[in-house]
Amino acid sequence: MQATVQGITLLQELNSLSLDRACVDFWEVQSEAGAVGRYVSPHPRLVQFFDGAAMELARPGQEAGVSASVCYIPAEFPTFGVIGTARRLRHLDIHLQADRLVEILGPDAAMDRPHFLPQSPTVLKLGEMLAGECVRPARPAGYASALTEAIVHETFHLASTADNGVGWLAQVTRYVEDNLEEPICLGTLCSIAGMSRTQFSRRFREETGLPPYRWVKRARIARAQEMLQRGTPLAEAACAAGFADQAHFTRSFRDATGMTPGSWLAQYE
């Protein structure tokens, strides 16, 4: 691959895997604010950024690009990337020979045009596992190949879904609902939506009537209410809904409903 970069410094030794007609590279770099890169590869490739990061990608010469955390780039397709803020970056590059890509996807997949996508929880989890194999291979080569195929399939499925009109808000809400038991970072939600923090906060409030942090808290309370009604113990419901402890949950529940969890639950007994 031909690459020209400015403002990007390698932090760790490049970790790579050689697979059947494919190569996986895991990079850890430091990016300066406004760092740029120009890339063109003789083979199709997929790029995935971790930690809520995104790159603005475009053809060279275009005035504006598309913010993407997961992307597919066809062979010989030149791209120009910009990183807006200084930060540490981890990302995967998956290079595949064209016949291997056809073998994975079948001949009818949309492989002749790029797909620039927001972050996907499924691709993120698969990518983290594949990055782990790059750094410290612990399983037979077939495992890494299977992860690579799964990432390819999921990326093209997401591209097809996006083409069919599933918007950024649906992807954000699905991510929140799938990860309520974990800390949810605003930067990750912005990356999924493909927006800056300012743009995302404004658009989210326009669509839902609430700022993101309040909407997430309401989603956590709703999850806990469902579990309490099913007979789940209070402490277990609080943990599964992402609250730090039972006291935090009780305070948040009272703020949202005007009642303690016990008083609220008594209404349904």
Protein backbone atom coordinates (compact mmCIF):
# COMPACT_ATOMS: atom_id res chain seq x y z
CA MET A 1 0.00 0.00 0.00
CA GLN A 2 1.18 3.54 -0.76
CA ALA A 3 0.76 5.89 2.21
CA THR A 4 1.92 9.43 2.94
CA VAL A 5 1.24 10.69 6.46
CA GLN A 6 1.94 13.87 8.40
CA GLY A 7 1.57 14.31 12.15
CA ILE A 8 1.23 10.59 12.93
CA THR A 9 3.89 8.75 14.97
CA LEU A 10 4.08 5.00 15.58
CA LEU A 11 3.96 4.24 19.33
CA GLN A 12 4.25 0.46 19.36
CA GLU A 13 5.81 -2.05 17.01
CA LEU A 14 3.40 -2.95 14.22
CA ASN A 15 1.63 -6.25 14.94
CA SER A 16 0.49 -8.27 11.93
CA LEU A 17 -1.15 -11.55 11.01
CA SER A 18 -0.76 -13.32 7.67
CA LEU A 19 -3.88 -15.26 6.71
CA ASP A 20 -5.18 -16.96 3.60
CA ARG A 21 -4.93 -14.24 0.91
CA ALA A 22 -5.28 -11.62 3.63
CA CYS A 23 -3.15 -9.61 6.02
CA VAL A 24 -4.25 -7.92 9.27
CA ASP A 25 -2.23 -5.01 10.72
CA PHE A 26 -2.86 -3.58 14.18
CA TRP A 27 -1.51 -0.05 14.66
CA GLU A 28 -0.99 2.05 17.77
CA VAL A 29 -0.05 5.63 16.90
CA GLN A 30 -0.03 9.16 18.28
CA SER A 31 -1.86 11.69 16.13
CA GLU A 32 -1.32 15.42 16.26
CA ALA A 33 -4.29 17.76 15.80
CA GLY A 34 -4.91 18.08 12.08
CA ALA A 35 -2.80 15.03 11.17
CA VAL A 36 -3.37 13.88 7.59
CA GLY A 37 -2.80 10.78 5.53
CA ARG A 38 -3.11 9.86 1.86
CA TYR A 39 -3.63 6.20 1.03
CA VAL A 40 -4.08 3.92 -1.97
CA SER A 41 -3.85 0.13 -1.93
CA PRO A 42 -3.76 -2.43 -4.76
CA HIS A 43 -6.09 -4.61 -2.68
CA PRO A 44 -9.49 -4.04 -1.06
CA ARG A 45 -9.21 -3.24 2.65
CA LEU A 46 -11.24 -2.59 5.78
CA VAL A 47 -10.19 -0.06 8.41
CA GLN A 48 -11.52 0.01 11.96
CA PHE A 49 -10.75 2.59 14.66
CA PHE A 50 -11.09 1.85 18.37
CA ASP A 51 -11.76 3.91 21.53
CA GLY A 52 -14.45 6.08 19.96
CA ALA A 53 -12.06 7.47 17.35
CA ALA A 54 -13.08 8.44 13.83
CA MET A 55 -11.31 9.81 10.77
CA GLU A 56 -12.74 12.19 8.22
CA LEU A 57 -12.24 10.39 4.92
CA ALA A 58 -12.62 11.67 1.37
CA ARG A 59 -11.17 11.40 -2.10
CA PRO A 60 -8.16 13.72 -2.48
CA GLY A 61 -9.36 17.12 -3.65
CA GLN A 62 -12.80 16.91 -2.06
CA GLU A 63 -13.66 19.83 0.20
CA ALA A 64 -15.46 17.73 2.82
CA GLY A 65 -15.23 14.14 3.90
CA VAL A 66 -17.30 11.65 5.86
CA SER A 67 -16.55 10.88 9.50
CA ALA A 68 -16.04 7.13 9.80
CA SER A 69 -14.93 4.64 12.44
CA VAL A 70 -15.40 1.59 10.21
CA CYS A 71 -14.86 1.68 6.48
CA TYR A 72 -14.39 -0.47 3.41
CA ILE A 73 -12.16 0.89 0.65
CA PRO A 74 -11.99 -0.80 -2.78
CA ALA A 75 -8.71 -1.58 -4.51
CA GLU A 76 -6.97 1.41 -6.12
CA PHE A 77 -9.43 3.83 -4.46
CA PRO A 78 -7.41 6.84 -3.19
CA THR A 79 -8.48 8.29 0.17
CA PHE A 80 -7.50 11.36 2.14
CA GLY A 81 -7.89 11.23 5.93
CA VAL A 82 -7.85 13.93 8.62
CA ILE A 83 -7.72 13.50 12.40
CA GLY A 84 -9.21 16.58 14.04
CA THR A 85 -7.76 16.35 17.56
CA ALA A 86 -4.49 15.18 19.06
CA ARG A 87 -4.93 11.71 20.52
CA ARG A 88 -3.63 8.17 20.77
CA LEU A 89 -5.14 5.96 18.08
CA ARG A 90 -5.53 2.22 17.79
CA HIS A 91 -6.81 0.80 14.52
CA LEU A 92 -6.95 -2.30 12.37
CA ASP A 93 -6.15 -2.52 8.65
CA ILE A 94 -7.46 -5.67 6.99
CA HIS A 95 -6.09 -6.18 3.46
CA LEU A 96 -7.71 -8.88 1.32
CA GLN A 97 -7.07 -10.11 -2.16
CA ALA A 98 -10.07 -9.52 -4.39
CA ASP A 99 -10.79 -13.22 -4.93
CA ARG A 100 -10.75 -13.81 -1.17
CA LEU A 101 -13.28 -11.00 -0.66
CA VAL A 102 -15.55 -12.49 -3.30
CA GLU A 103 -15.15 -15.88 -1.63
CA ILE A 104 -16.32 -14.42 1.69
CA LEU A 105 -19.17 -12.22 0.43
CA GLY A 106 -20.25 -13.76 -2.84
CA PRO A 107 -20.16 -12.02 -6.23
CA ASP A 108 -23.20 -9.79 -5.68
CA ALA A 109 -21.88 -7.71 -2.76
CA ALA A 110 -21.27 -3.99 -3.32
CA MET A 111 -17.46 -4.24 -3.46
CA ASP A 112 -16.84 -1.60 -6.14
CA ARG A 113 -17.60 1.44 -3.96
CA PRO A 114 -16.41 2.59 -0.53
CA HIS A 115 -18.49 2.35 2.63
CA PHE A 116 -17.80 4.90 5.38
CA LEU A 117 -19.66 3.90 8.54
CA PRO A 118 -20.05 4.89 12.20
CA GLN A 119 -18.85 2.55 14.92
CA SER A 120 -20.75 -0.70 15.42
CA PRO A 121 -20.82 -2.53 18.77
CA THR A 122 -20.59 -5.89 16.99
CA VAL A 123 -17.68 -4.87 14.75
CA LEU A 124 -15.99 -3.26 17.76
CA LYS A 125 -16.07 -6.47 19.80
CA LEU A 126 -14.91 -8.60 16.86
CA GLY A 127 -12.15 -6.10 16.07
CA GLU A 128 -10.87 -6.05 19.66
CA MET A 129 -10.60 -9.84 19.59
CA LEU A 130 -8.77 -9.76 16.27
CA ALA A 131 -6.41 -7.03 17.52
CA GLY A 132 -5.66 -9.23 20.53
CA GLU A 133 -4.66 -12.06 18.21
CA CYS A 134 -2.36 -9.68 16.31
CA VAL A 135 -0.58 -8.68 19.51
CA ARG A 136 -0.47 -12.08 21.18
CA PRO A 137 -1.63 -15.01 19.00
CA ALA A 138 -3.17 -17.59 21.31
CA ARG A 139 -5.36 -19.72 19.05
CA PRO A 140 -5.04 -21.59 15.74
CA ALA A 141 -4.92 -19.45 12.59
CA GLY A 142 -8.48 -20.46 11.75
CA TYR A 143 -9.72 -18.35 14.66
CA ALA A 144 -8.27 -15.12 13.27
CA SER A 145 -9.59 -16.01 9.81
CA ALA A 146 -13.07 -16.54 11.25
CA LEU A 147 -12.95 -13.18 13.05
CA THR A 148 -11.81 -11.48 9.84
CA GLU A 149 -14.66 -13.03 7.86
CA ALA A 150 -17.16 -11.98 10.54
CA ILE A 151 -15.91 -8.37 10.44
CA VAL A 152 -16.19 -8.34 6.65
CA HIS A 153 -19.73 -9.74 6.75
CA GLU A 154 -20.87 -7.35 9.48
CA THR A 155 -19.35 -4.30 7.77
CA PHE A 156 -21.14 -5.03 4.51
CA HIS A 157 -24.35 -5.83 6.37
CA LEU A 158 -24.15 -2.42 8.08
CA ALA A 159 -23.47 -0.76 4.73
CA SER A 160 -26.56 -2.43 3.29
CA THR A 161 -28.63 -1.42 6.33
CA ALA A 162 -27.43 2.18 6.05
CA ASP A 163 -28.36 2.21 2.39
CA ASN A 164 -31.85 1.07 3.38
CA GLY A 165 -32.35 4.09 5.59
CA VAL A 166 -31.60 3.01 9.18
CA GLY A 167 -30.48 6.32 10.67
CA TRP A 168 -27.90 7.38 13.18
CA LEU A 169 -30.40 7.65 16.05
CA ALA A 170 -31.47 4.02 15.67
CA GLN A 171 -27.83 2.93 15.77
CA VAL A 172 -27.12 5.06 18.85
CA THR A 173 -30.15 3.83 20.76
CA ARG A 174 -29.37 0.22 19.87
CA TYR A 175 -25.83 0.66 21.16
CA VAL A 176 -27.10 2.17 24.44
CA GLU A 177 -29.65 -0.61 24.94
CA ASP A 178 -27.01 -3.27 24.28
CA ASN A 179 -24.50 -1.72 26.70
CA LEU A 180 -26.50 -0.34 29.62
CA GLU A 181 -24.52 -2.38 32.14
CA GLU A 182 -21.30 -0.64 31.05
CA PRO A 183 -20.14 2.99 31.25
CA ILE A 184 -21.39 4.81 28.13
CA CYS A 185 -19.09 7.51 26.80
CA LEU A 186 -20.45 10.51 24.90
CA GLY A 187 -17.48 10.26 22.53
CA THR A 188 -18.52 6.73 21.57
CA LEU A 189 -22.07 7.86 20.83
CA CYS A 190 -20.73 10.72 18.69
CA SER A 191 -18.57 8.24 16.77
CA ILE A 192 -21.51 5.92 16.15
CA ALA A 193 -23.54 8.85 14.85
CA GLY A 194 -20.62 10.19 12.80
CA MET A 195 -20.92 13.68 14.35
CA SER A 196 -18.94 16.12 16.44
CA ARG A 197 -19.92 16.47 20.11
CA THR A 198 -21.63 19.79 19.53
CA GLN A 199 -23.55 18.58 16.49
CA PHE A 200 -24.51 15.30 18.16
CA SER A 201 -25.79 16.94 21.37
CA ARG A 202 -27.88 19.40 19.37
CA ARG A 203 -29.30 16.79 16.96
CA PHE A 204 -29.97 14.30 19.76
CA ARG A 205 -31.93 16.85 21.77
CA GLU A 206 -33.91 17.85 18.68
CA GLU A 207 -34.87 14.22 18.03
CA THR A 208 -35.54 13.03 21.61
CA GLY A 209 -36.28 16.19 23.60
CA LEU A 210 -33.51 15.30 26.08
CA PRO A 211 -29.75 15.77 26.32
CA PRO A 212 -27.88 12.48 25.79
CA TYR A 213 -26.88 11.95 29.44
CA ARG A 214 -30.49 12.31 30.64
CA TRP A 215 -31.77 10.00 27.92
CA VAL A 216 -29.22 7.35 28.90
CA LYS A 217 -30.19 7.68 32.58
CA ARG A 218 -33.86 7.21 31.65
CA ALA A 219 -32.93 4.11 29.65
CA ARG A 220 -31.09 2.73 32.68
CA ILE A 221 -34.09 3.38 34.94
CA ALA A 222 -36.43 1.71 32.44
CA ARG A 223 -34.18 -1.36 32.28
CA ALA A 224 -34.11 -1.59 36.09
CA GLN A 225 -37.90 -1.22 36.28
CA GLU A 226 -38.37 -4.11 33.86
CA MET A 227 -36.06 -6.31 35.92
CA LEU A 228 -37.67 -5.37 39.25
CA GLN A 229 -41.09 -6.27 37.87
CA ARG A 230 -39.69 -9.69 36.94
CA GLY A 231 -38.58 -10.23 40.55
CA THR A 232 -34.88 -9.40 40.13
CA PRO A 233 -33.25 -8.38 43.44
CA LEU A 234 -32.67 -4.64 43.77
CA ALA A 235 -28.86 -4.79 43.86
CA GLU A 236 -28.75 -7.07 40.82
CA ALA A 237 -31.11 -4.83 38.83
CA ALA A 238 -29.05 -1.75 39.73
CA CYS A 239 -25.83 -3.42 38.54
CA ALA A 240 -27.37 -4.72 35.30
CA ALA A 241 -28.69 -1.23 34.51
CA GLY A 242 -25.23 0.30 34.91
CA PHE A 243 -25.48 2.04 38.29
CA ALA A 244 -22.35 2.20 40.45
CA ASP A 245 -24.11 0.83 43.53
CA GLN A 246 -27.53 0.45 45.13
CA ALA A 247 -27.39 3.89 46.77
CA HIS A 248 -26.64 5.56 43.43
CA PHE A 249 -29.49 3.66 41.84
CA THR A 250 -31.96 4.64 44.58
CA ARG A 251 -31.05 8.34 44.27
CA SER A 252 -31.35 8.28 40.48
CA PHE A 253 -34.62 6.34 40.65
CA ARG A 254 -36.14 8.86 43.08
CA ASP A 255 -35.00 11.78 40.91
CA ALA A 256 -36.62 10.21 37.85
CA THR A 257 -39.89 8.91 39.36
CA GLY A 258 -40.37 10.75 42.64
CA MET A 259 -40.41 7.42 44.51
CA THR A 260 -37.96 4.91 45.90
CA PRO A 261 -37.67 1.63 43.98
CA GLY A 262 -39.52 -0.17 46.75
CA SER A 263 -42.42 2.29 46.75
CA TRP A 264 -42.65 2.17 42.97
CA LEU A 265 -42.65 -1.62 42.95
CA ALA A 266 -45.34 -1.78 45.64
CA GLN A 267 -47.80 -0.27 43.13
CA TYR A 268 -47.63 -3.48 41.10
CA GLU A 269 -48.00 -5.96 43.94
